[in-house]
C-alpha atoms as a PDB file:
ATOM      1  CA  UNK A   1     232.616 212.498 129.034  1.00  0.00           C
ATOM      2  CA  UNK A   2     234.403 209.556 127.753  1.00  0.00           C
ATOM      3  CA  UNK A   3     238.297 209.600 128.856  1.00  0.00           C
ATOM      4  CA  UNK A   4     239.469 209.651 125.283  1.00  0.00           C
ATOM      5  CA  UNK A   5     237.286 212.667 124.517  1.00  0.00           C
ATOM      6  CA  UNK A   6     238.798 214.411 127.345  1.00  0.00           C
ATOM      7  CA  UNK A   7     242.305 213.548 126.626  1.00  0.00           C
ATOM      8  CA  UNK A   8     241.782 214.721 123.061  1.00  0.00           C
ATOM      9  CA  UNK A   9     240.124 217.750 123.850  1.00  0.00           C
ATOM     10  CA  UNK A  10     242.622 218.459 126.449  1.00  0.00           C
ATOM     11  CA  UNK A  11     245.353 217.839 124.105  1.00  0.00           C
ATOM     12  CA  UNK A  12     244.472 220.359 121.287  1.00  0.00           C
ATOM     13  CA  UNK A  13     243.657 223.032 124.097  1.00  0.00           C
ATOM     14  CA  UNK A  14     247.195 222.319 125.808  1.00  0.00           C
ATOM     15  CA  UNK A  15     248.935 222.792 122.477  1.00  0.00           C
ATOM     16  CA  UNK A  16     246.993 225.694 121.059  1.00  0.00           C
ATOM     17  CA  UNK A  17     247.685 227.554 124.581  1.00  0.00           C
ATOM     18  CA  UNK A  18     251.451 226.715 124.499  1.00  0.00           C
ATOM     19  CA  UNK A  19     251.641 227.572 120.725  1.00  0.00           C
ATOM     20  CA  UNK A  20     250.100 231.085 121.408  1.00  0.00           C
ATOM     21  CA  UNK A  21     252.889 231.782 123.863  1.00  0.00           C
ATOM     22  CA  UNK A  22     255.395 230.233 121.357  1.00  0.00           C
ATOM     23  CA  UNK A  23     253.908 232.480 118.650  1.00  0.00           C
ATOM     24  CA  UNK A  24     254.241 235.620 120.987  1.00  0.00           C
ATOM     25  CA  UNK A  25     257.818 234.940 122.153  1.00  0.00           C
ATOM     26  CA  UNK A  26     259.556 233.119 119.219  1.00  0.00           C
ATOM     27  CA  UNK A  27     257.339 234.270 116.207  1.00  0.00           C
ATOM     28  CA  UNK A  28     257.231 237.924 117.385  1.00  0.00           C
ATOM     29  CA  UNK A  29     253.408 237.916 117.331  1.00  0.00           C
ATOM     30  CA  UNK A  30     251.275 240.419 119.237  1.00  0.00           C
ATOM     31  CA  UNK A  31     250.700 240.008 122.929  1.00  0.00           C
ATOM     32  CA  UNK A  32     247.352 239.676 122.282  1.00  0.00           C
ATOM     33  CA  UNK A  33     247.724 236.012 121.404  1.00  0.00           C
ATOM     34  CA  UNK A  34     248.398 235.453 125.202  1.00  0.00           C
ATOM     35  CA  UNK A  35     244.851 236.128 125.888  1.00  0.00           C
ATOM     36  CA  UNK A  36     243.237 232.917 123.925  1.00  0.00           C
ATOM     37  CA  UNK A  37     246.250 231.080 125.067  1.00  0.00           C
ATOM     38  CA  UNK A  38     245.669 231.590 128.909  1.00  0.00           C
ATOM     39  CA  UNK A  39     241.835 230.710 128.072  1.00  0.00           C
ATOM     40  CA  UNK A  40     242.984 227.773 126.194  1.00  0.00           C
ATOM     41  CA  UNK A  41     245.609 226.344 128.875  1.00  0.00           C
ATOM     42  CA  UNK A  42     242.439 226.738 131.519  1.00  0.00           C
ATOM     43  CA  UNK A  43     240.349 224.671 129.150  1.00  0.00           C
ATOM     44  CA  UNK A  44     243.073 221.852 129.108  1.00  0.00           C
ATOM     45  CA  UNK A  45     243.136 221.879 133.092  1.00  0.00           C
ATOM     46  CA  UNK A  46     239.473 221.661 133.368  1.00  0.00           C
ATOM     47  CA  UNK A  47     239.161 218.986 130.772  1.00  0.00           C
ATOM     48  CA  UNK A  48     241.706 216.689 132.497  1.00  0.00           C
ATOM     49  CA  UNK A  49     239.357 216.894 135.703  1.00  0.00           C
ATOM     50  CA  UNK A  50     236.809 215.126 133.480  1.00  0.00           C
ATOM     51  CA  UNK A  51     238.770 212.012 133.337  1.00  0.00           C
ATOM     52  CA  UNK A  52     237.613 209.181 135.305  1.00  0.00           C
ATOM     53  CA  UNK A  53     240.611 208.155 137.516  1.00  0.00           C
ATOM     54  CA  UNK A  54     240.761 207.451 141.082  1.00  0.00           C
ATOM     55  CA  UNK A  55     244.339 209.786 141.151  1.00  0.00           C
ATOM     56  CA  UNK A  56     245.051 212.585 139.353  1.00  0.00           C
ATOM     57  CA  UNK A  57     248.668 211.341 138.750  1.00  0.00           C
ATOM     58  CA  UNK A  58     247.598 208.171 137.094  1.00  0.00           C
ATOM     59  CA  UNK A  59     245.144 210.609 134.763  1.00  0.00           C
ATOM     60  CA  UNK A  60     248.003 212.626 134.202  1.00  0.00           C
ATOM     61  CA  UNK A  61     250.557 210.009 133.196  1.00  0.00           C
ATOM     62  CA  UNK A  62     248.201 208.174 130.541  1.00  0.00           C
ATOM     63  CA  UNK A  63     247.345 211.725 129.145  1.00  0.00           C
ATOM     64  CA  UNK A  64     250.924 212.248 128.350  1.00  0.00           C
ATOM     65  CA  UNK A  65     250.884 209.446 125.305  1.00  0.00           C
ATOM     66  CA  UNK A  66     247.948 211.431 123.884  1.00  0.00           C
ATOM     67  CA  UNK A  67     249.558 214.699 124.359  1.00  0.00           C
ATOM     68  CA  UNK A  68     252.714 213.102 122.695  1.00  0.00           C
ATOM     69  CA  UNK A  69     250.686 211.951 119.396  1.00  0.00           C
ATOM     70  CA  UNK A  70     248.666 215.054 119.443  1.00  0.00           C
ATOM     71  CA  UNK A  71     251.850 217.151 119.461  1.00  0.00           C
ATOM     72  CA  UNK A  72     253.098 214.949 116.303  1.00  0.00           C
ATOM     73  CA  UNK A  73     249.734 215.828 114.460  1.00  0.00           C
ATOM     74  CA  UNK A  74     250.210 219.446 115.503  1.00  0.00           C
ATOM     75  CA  UNK A  75     253.648 219.519 113.991  1.00  0.00           C
ATOM     76  CA  UNK A  76     252.208 218.177 110.701  1.00  0.00           C
ATOM     77  CA  UNK A  77     248.899 219.802 110.268  1.00  0.00           C
ATOM     78  CA  UNK A  78     249.886 223.197 111.678  1.00  0.00           C
ATOM     79  CA  UNK A  79     253.625 223.499 111.272  1.00  0.00           C
ATOM     80  CA  UNK A  80     253.815 221.827 107.881  1.00  0.00           C
ATOM     81  CA  UNK A  81     256.588 219.360 109.227  1.00  0.00           C
ATOM     82  CA  UNK A  82     255.875 215.512 108.424  1.00  0.00           C
ATOM     83  CA  UNK A  83     256.824 213.322 111.424  1.00  0.00           C
ATOM     84  CA  UNK A  84     259.431 210.947 110.378  1.00  0.00           C
ATOM     85  CA  UNK A  85     259.468 207.203 111.267  1.00  0.00           C
ATOM     86  CA  UNK A  86     260.972 207.866 114.587  1.00  0.00           C
ATOM     87  CA  UNK A  87     258.521 210.183 115.466  1.00  0.00           C
ATOM     88  CA  UNK A  88     255.663 207.601 114.719  1.00  0.00           C
ATOM     89  CA  UNK A  89     257.699 204.807 116.505  1.00  0.00           C
ATOM     90  CA  UNK A  90     257.897 207.065 119.436  1.00  0.00           C
ATOM     91  CA  UNK A  91     254.256 208.305 119.256  1.00  0.00           C
ATOM     92  CA  UNK A  92     253.258 204.507 119.263  1.00  0.00           C
ATOM     93  CA  UNK A  93     255.361 203.515 122.133  1.00  0.00           C
ATOM     94  CA  UNK A  94     253.862 206.318 124.072  1.00  0.00           C
ATOM     95  CA  UNK A  95     250.020 205.255 123.208  1.00  0.00           C
ATOM     96  CA  UNK A  96     251.075 201.827 124.261  1.00  0.00           C
ATOM     97  CA  UNK A  97     252.045 203.189 127.719  1.00  0.00           C
ATOM     98  CA  UNK A  98     248.849 205.317 128.002  1.00  0.00           C
ATOM     99  CA  UNK A  99     246.880 201.710 127.127  1.00  0.00           C
ATOM    100  CA  UNK A 100     248.581 200.016 129.819  1.00  0.00           C
ATOM    101  CA  UNK A 101     248.075 202.682 132.508  1.00  0.00           C
ATOM    102  CA  UNK A 102     244.257 203.136 131.698  1.00  0.00           C
ATOM    103  CA  UNK A 103     243.696 199.280 130.912  1.00  0.00           C
ATOM    104  CA  UNK A 104     245.849 197.670 133.403  1.00  0.00           C
ATOM    105  CA  UNK A 105     244.158 195.707 135.996  1.00  0.00           C
ATOM    106  CA  UNK A 106     244.231 197.243 139.312  1.00  0.00           C
ATOM    107  CA  UNK A 107     243.654 196.176 143.140  1.00  0.00           C
ATOM    108  CA  UNK A 108     241.812 198.581 145.296  1.00  0.00           C
ATOM    109  CA  UNK A 109     243.936 200.987 146.552  1.00  0.00           C
ATOM    110  CA  UNK A 110     244.183 202.948 149.662  1.00  0.00           C
ATOM    111  CA  UNK A 111     245.346 206.889 149.246  1.00  0.00           C
ATOM    112  CA  UNK A 112     248.723 207.480 151.682  1.00  0.00           C
ATOM    113  CA  UNK A 113     248.540 210.558 153.714  1.00  0.00           C
END
């Protein structure tokens, strides 16, 4: 699975899973909302393991920018709140950081123990 597909799937799964807890606690929805939420969060964690990276921390760091942009899309599409220019500028900065982490040239590294 290509990295961007894994990241986009993980972002959707994480946001949906977290939103189920938000709905239960903040919107007073049924505790049954937690069942798909827990499944979604497990899917999120599994999808991140599909990212081709030599280190989990690097995969997670790069994922952060994708997550932020996906959260802004959720804000707009699900919650009906249009992101403002500061949201868009911040999201762009985060995606630039993601690109630097993913695409930057690297020397071979030896893990420390």
